[in-house]
Amino acid sequence: MVSNDERLLAAGIYVLSIFFPVLAPLIIWLIKKDESSFIDFHGREYFNFLISYSIYFIIAGISTIILIGIVLLPVLGVMLFVFTIIAAIKAYEGNQYRFPLIFRLIK
Protein backbone atom coordinates (compact mmCIF):
# COMPACT_ATOMS: atom_id res chain seq x y z
CA MET A 1 0.00 0.00 0.00
CA VAL A 2 1.30 3.42 -0.96
CA SER A 3 1.15 6.11 1.73
CA ASN A 4 -0.27 9.59 1.19
CA ASP A 5 3.19 11.14 1.48
CA GLU A 6 4.59 8.84 -1.21
CA ARG A 7 1.68 9.64 -3.52
CA LEU A 8 2.08 13.37 -2.95
CA LEU A 9 5.84 13.34 -3.57
CA ALA A 10 5.48 11.19 -6.70
CA ALA A 11 2.85 13.58 -8.05
CA GLY A 12 5.11 16.46 -7.02
CA ILE A 13 7.83 15.12 -9.31
CA TYR A 14 5.54 15.72 -12.28
CA VAL A 15 3.84 18.93 -11.15
CA LEU A 16 7.10 20.64 -10.21
CA SER A 17 8.64 19.50 -13.50
CA ILE A 18 6.37 21.97 -15.29
CA PHE A 19 8.18 24.85 -13.57
CA PHE A 20 11.61 23.32 -12.84
CA PRO A 21 12.13 20.50 -15.37
CA VAL A 22 15.32 19.00 -13.96
CA LEU A 23 16.18 20.32 -10.52
CA ALA A 24 12.96 19.80 -8.53
CA PRO A 25 12.24 16.23 -9.72
CA LEU A 26 15.90 15.31 -9.27
CA ILE A 27 15.95 16.54 -5.67
CA ILE A 28 12.77 14.66 -4.74
CA TRP A 29 13.90 11.50 -6.48
CA LEU A 30 17.43 11.45 -5.03
CA ILE A 31 16.25 12.10 -1.48
CA LYS A 32 13.39 9.59 -1.44
CA LYS A 33 14.34 6.85 -3.92
CA ASP A 34 15.92 4.60 -1.28
CA GLU A 35 12.95 4.96 1.07
CA SER A 36 10.14 4.32 -1.40
CA SER A 37 10.02 2.08 -4.44
CA PHE A 38 6.94 4.01 -5.62
CA ILE A 39 8.83 7.32 -5.72
CA ASP A 40 11.83 5.56 -7.25
CA PHE A 41 9.63 4.19 -10.05
CA HIS A 42 8.12 7.59 -10.82
CA GLY A 43 11.50 9.32 -10.67
CA ARG A 44 13.06 6.85 -13.10
CA GLU A 45 10.03 7.06 -15.36
CA TYR A 46 10.12 10.87 -15.37
CA PHE A 47 13.81 11.07 -16.24
CA ASN A 48 13.41 8.48 -19.01
CA PHE A 49 10.55 10.65 -20.27
CA LEU A 50 12.71 13.79 -20.09
CA ILE A 51 15.61 12.16 -21.94
CA SER A 52 13.34 10.73 -24.65
CA TYR A 53 11.47 13.94 -25.29
CA SER A 54 14.68 15.97 -25.32
CA ILE A 55 15.90 13.71 -28.13
CA TYR A 56 12.56 14.09 -29.92
CA PHE A 57 12.73 17.88 -29.65
CA ILE A 58 16.28 17.95 -31.01
CA ILE A 59 15.27 15.81 -33.98
CA ALA A 60 12.18 17.95 -34.59
CA GLY A 61 14.28 21.11 -34.33
CA ILE A 62 16.72 19.80 -36.91
CA SER A 63 13.87 18.67 -39.16
CA THR A 64 12.51 22.22 -39.35
CA ILE A 65 15.02 22.57 -42.17
CA ILE A 66 12.79 20.32 -44.26
CA LEU A 67 9.63 21.93 -42.76
CA ILE A 68 8.26 18.81 -41.06
CA GLY A 69 9.63 20.03 -37.73
CA ILE A 70 7.29 23.01 -37.85
CA VAL A 71 4.43 20.57 -37.36
CA LEU A 72 6.29 18.24 -34.99
CA LEU A 73 7.42 20.83 -32.43
CA PRO A 74 3.91 21.96 -31.34
CA VAL A 75 2.67 18.36 -31.33
CA LEU A 76 5.56 17.31 -29.09
CA GLY A 77 4.91 20.27 -26.79
CA VAL A 78 1.27 19.29 -26.34
CA MET A 79 2.20 15.63 -25.79
CA LEU A 80 4.80 16.62 -23.19
CA PHE A 81 2.28 18.69 -21.23
CA VAL A 82 -0.61 16.20 -21.48
CA PHE A 83 1.49 13.16 -20.52
CA THR A 84 2.94 15.07 -17.56
CA ILE A 85 -0.53 15.92 -16.25
CA ILE A 86 -1.76 12.34 -16.74
CA ALA A 87 1.29 10.99 -14.89
CA ALA A 88 0.74 13.42 -11.99
CA ILE A 89 -2.89 12.32 -11.65
CA LYS A 90 -1.97 8.62 -11.82
CA ALA A 91 0.81 9.09 -9.25
CA TYR A 92 -1.54 10.91 -6.89
CA GLU A 93 -4.06 8.09 -7.25
CA GLY A 94 -1.32 5.65 -6.23
CA ASN A 95 -0.96 3.99 -9.63
CA GLN A 96 2.18 3.38 -11.62
CA TYR A 97 2.09 5.12 -15.00
CA ARG A 98 4.35 4.18 -17.89
CA PHE A 99 4.76 6.87 -20.52
CA PRO A 100 4.18 5.78 -24.11
CA LEU A 101 6.89 6.27 -26.74
CA ILE A 102 9.90 6.63 -24.43
CA PHE A 103 13.28 4.96 -24.13
CA ARG A 104 13.79 3.31 -20.77
CA LEU A 105 17.47 4.06 -20.30
CA ILE A 106 17.37 4.37 -16.50
CA LYS A 107 16.32 1.02 -15.10
C-alpha atoms as a PDB file:
ATOM      1  CA  MET A   1       0.000   0.000   0.000  1.00  0.00           C
ATOM      2  CA  VAL A   2       1.301   3.420  -0.962  1.00  0.00           C
ATOM      3  CA  SER A   3       1.147   6.108   1.732  1.00  0.00           C
ATOM      4  CA  ASN A   4      -0.270   9.589   1.187  1.00  0.00           C
ATOM      5  CA  ASP A   5       3.194  11.143   1.479  1.00  0.00           C
ATOM      6  CA  GLU A   6       4.586   8.844  -1.213  1.00  0.00           C
ATOM      7  CA  ARG A   7       1.684   9.639  -3.524  1.00  0.00           C
ATOM      8  CA  LEU A   8       2.084  13.368  -2.954  1.00  0.00           C
ATOM      9  CA  LEU A   9       5.841  13.338  -3.565  1.00  0.00           C
ATOM     10  CA  ALA A  10       5.481  11.193  -6.696  1.00  0.00           C
ATOM     11  CA  ALA A  11       2.847  13.580  -8.054  1.00  0.00           C
ATOM     12  CA  GLY A  12       5.106  16.462  -7.024  1.00  0.00           C
ATOM     13  CA  ILE A  13       7.827  15.116  -9.308  1.00  0.00           C
ATOM     14  CA  TYR A  14       5.537  15.723 -12.275  1.00  0.00           C
ATOM     15  CA  VAL A  15       3.841  18.935 -11.147  1.00  0.00           C
ATOM     16  CA  LEU A  16       7.103  20.642 -10.213  1.00  0.00           C
ATOM     17  CA  SER A  17       8.636  19.501 -13.498  1.00  0.00           C
ATOM     18  CA  ILE A  18       6.374  21.967 -15.294  1.00  0.00           C
ATOM     19  CA  PHE A  19       8.178  24.853 -13.575  1.00  0.00           C
ATOM     20  CA  PHE A  20      11.613  23.320 -12.840  1.00  0.00           C
ATOM     21  CA  PRO A  21      12.127  20.501 -15.372  1.00  0.00           C
ATOM     22  CA  VAL A  22      15.321  18.997 -13.961  1.00  0.00           C
ATOM     23  CA  LEU A  23      16.175  20.319 -10.516  1.00  0.00           C
ATOM     24  CA  ALA A  24      12.961  19.802  -8.527  1.00  0.00           C
ATOM     25  CA  PRO A  25      12.236  16.230  -9.719  1.00  0.00           C
ATOM     26  CA  LEU A  26      15.900  15.314  -9.273  1.00  0.00           C
ATOM     27  CA  ILE A  27      15.950  16.538  -5.669  1.00  0.00           C
ATOM     28  CA  ILE A  28      12.766  14.657  -4.743  1.00  0.00           C
ATOM     29  CA  TRP A  29      13.900  11.497  -6.479  1.00  0.00           C
ATOM     30  CA  LEU A  30      17.428  11.451  -5.034  1.00  0.00           C
ATOM     31  CA  ILE A  31      16.255  12.099  -1.478  1.00  0.00           C
ATOM     32  CA  LYS A  32      13.385   9.588  -1.444  1.00  0.00           C
ATOM     33  CA  LYS A  33      14.343   6.846  -3.923  1.00  0.00           C
ATOM     34  CA  ASP A  34      15.918   4.603  -1.280  1.00  0.00           C
ATOM     35  CA  GLU A  35      12.949   4.962   1.075  1.00  0.00           C
ATOM     36  CA  SER A  36      10.139   4.320  -1.403  1.00  0.00           C
ATOM     37  CA  SER A  37      10.019   2.075  -4.441  1.00  0.00           C
ATOM     38  CA  PHE A  38       6.938   4.009  -5.619  1.00  0.00           C
ATOM     39  CA  ILE A  39       8.834   7.323  -5.716  1.00  0.00           C
ATOM     40  CA  ASP A  40      11.830   5.562  -7.247  1.00  0.00           C
ATOM     41  CA  PHE A  41       9.633   4.187 -10.046  1.00  0.00           C
ATOM     42  CA  HIS A  42       8.124   7.595 -10.821  1.00  0.00           C
ATOM     43  CA  GLY A  43      11.504   9.322 -10.667  1.00  0.00           C
ATOM     44  CA  ARG A  44      13.061   6.852 -13.103  1.00  0.00           C
ATOM     45  CA  GLU A  45      10.033   7.057 -15.362  1.00  0.00           C
ATOM     46  CA  TYR A  46      10.118  10.872 -15.369  1.00  0.00           C
ATOM     47  CA  PHE A  47      13.806  11.065 -16.243  1.00  0.00           C
ATOM     48  CA  ASN A  48      13.406   8.477 -19.010  1.00  0.00           C
ATOM     49  CA  PHE A  49      10.552  10.652 -20.272  1.00  0.00           C
ATOM     50  CA  LEU A  50      12.713  13.786 -20.090  1.00  0.00           C
ATOM     51  CA  ILE A  51      15.613  12.163 -21.945  1.00  0.00           C
ATOM     52  CA  SER A  52      13.338  10.734 -24.652  1.00  0.00           C
ATOM     53  CA  TYR A  53      11.468  13.944 -25.294  1.00  0.00           C
ATOM     54  CA  SER A  54      14.679  15.968 -25.319  1.00  0.00           C
ATOM     55  CA  ILE A  55      15.898  13.711 -28.132  1.00  0.00           C
ATOM     56  CA  TYR A  56      12.560  14.087 -29.924  1.00  0.00           C
ATOM     57  CA  PHE A  57      12.727  17.884 -29.645  1.00  0.00           C
ATOM     58  CA  ILE A  58      16.283  17.954 -31.006  1.00  0.00           C
ATOM     59  CA  ILE A  59      15.274  15.813 -33.979  1.00  0.00           C
ATOM     60  CA  ALA A  60      12.177  17.952 -34.589  1.00  0.00           C
ATOM     61  CA  GLY A  61      14.284  21.106 -34.332  1.00  0.00           C
ATOM     62  CA  ILE A  62      16.716  19.798 -36.911  1.00  0.00           C
ATOM     63  CA  SER A  63      13.875  18.670 -39.156  1.00  0.00           C
ATOM     64  CA  THR A  64      12.513  22.219 -39.347  1.00  0.00           C
ATOM     65  CA  ILE A  65      15.016  22.571 -42.166  1.00  0.00           C
ATOM     66  CA  ILE A  66      12.789  20.321 -44.261  1.00  0.00           C
ATOM     67  CA  LEU A  67       9.634  21.934 -42.763  1.00  0.00           C
ATOM     68  CA  ILE A  68       8.256  18.809 -41.058  1.00  0.00           C
ATOM     69  CA  GLY A  69       9.626  20.026 -37.728  1.00  0.00           C
ATOM     70  CA  ILE A  70       7.289  23.011 -37.853  1.00  0.00           C
ATOM     71  CA  VAL A  71       4.431  20.569 -37.359  1.00  0.00           C
ATOM     72  CA  LEU A  72       6.292  18.235 -34.994  1.00  0.00           C
ATOM     73  CA  LEU A  73       7.416  20.826 -32.434  1.00  0.00           C
ATOM     74  CA  PRO A  74       3.913  21.960 -31.337  1.00  0.00           C
ATOM     75  CA  VAL A  75       2.665  18.360 -31.327  1.00  0.00           C
ATOM     76  CA  LEU A  76       5.562  17.305 -29.089  1.00  0.00           C
ATOM     77  CA  GLY A  77       4.915  20.267 -26.789  1.00  0.00           C
ATOM     78  CA  VAL A  78       1.272  19.287 -26.341  1.00  0.00           C
ATOM     79  CA  MET A  79       2.201  15.634 -25.795  1.00  0.00           C
ATOM     80  CA  LEU A  80       4.795  16.623 -23.193  1.00  0.00           C
ATOM     81  CA  PHE A  81       2.279  18.689 -21.232  1.00  0.00           C
ATOM     82  CA  VAL A  82      -0.610  16.196 -21.480  1.00  0.00           C
ATOM     83  CA  PHE A  83       1.492  13.163 -20.520  1.00  0.00           C
ATOM     84  CA  THR A  84       2.943  15.066 -17.557  1.00  0.00           C
ATOM     85  CA  ILE A  85      -0.533  15.924 -16.247  1.00  0.00           C
ATOM     86  CA  ILE A  86      -1.756  12.344 -16.742  1.00  0.00           C
ATOM     87  CA  ALA A  87       1.288  10.989 -14.891  1.00  0.00           C
ATOM     88  CA  ALA A  88       0.740  13.420 -11.992  1.00  0.00           C
ATOM     89  CA  ILE A  89      -2.887  12.320 -11.654  1.00  0.00           C
ATOM     90  CA  LYS A  90      -1.967   8.625 -11.816  1.00  0.00           C
ATOM     91  CA  ALA A  91       0.807   9.085  -9.246  1.00  0.00           C
ATOM     92  CA  TYR A  92      -1.537  10.913  -6.890  1.00  0.00           C
ATOM     93  CA  GLU A  93      -4.060   8.086  -7.248  1.00  0.00           C
ATOM     94  CA  GLY A  94      -1.319   5.649  -6.228  1.00  0.00           C
ATOM     95  CA  ASN A  95      -0.957   3.993  -9.630  1.00  0.00           C
ATOM     96  CA  GLN A  96       2.185   3.377 -11.625  1.00  0.00           C
ATOM     97  CA  TYR A  97       2.089   5.121 -15.001  1.00  0.00           C
ATOM     98  CA  ARG A  98       4.351   4.183 -17.893  1.00  0.00           C
ATOM     99  CA  PHE A  99       4.756   6.873 -20.520  1.00  0.00           C
ATOM    100  CA  PRO A 100       4.179   5.783 -24.105  1.00  0.00           C
ATOM    101  CA  LEU A 101       6.888   6.270 -26.739  1.00  0.00           C
ATOM    102  CA  ILE A 102       9.897   6.626 -24.432  1.00  0.00           C
ATOM    103  CA  PHE A 103      13.282   4.956 -24.129  1.00  0.00           C
ATOM    104  CA  ARG A 104      13.794   3.310 -20.766  1.00  0.00           C
ATOM    105  CA  LEU A 105      17.474   4.063 -20.295  1.00  0.00           C
ATOM    106  CA  ILE A 106      17.374   4.366 -16.500  1.00  0.00           C
ATOM    107  CA  LYS A 107      16.325   1.024 -15.100  1.00  0.00           C
END
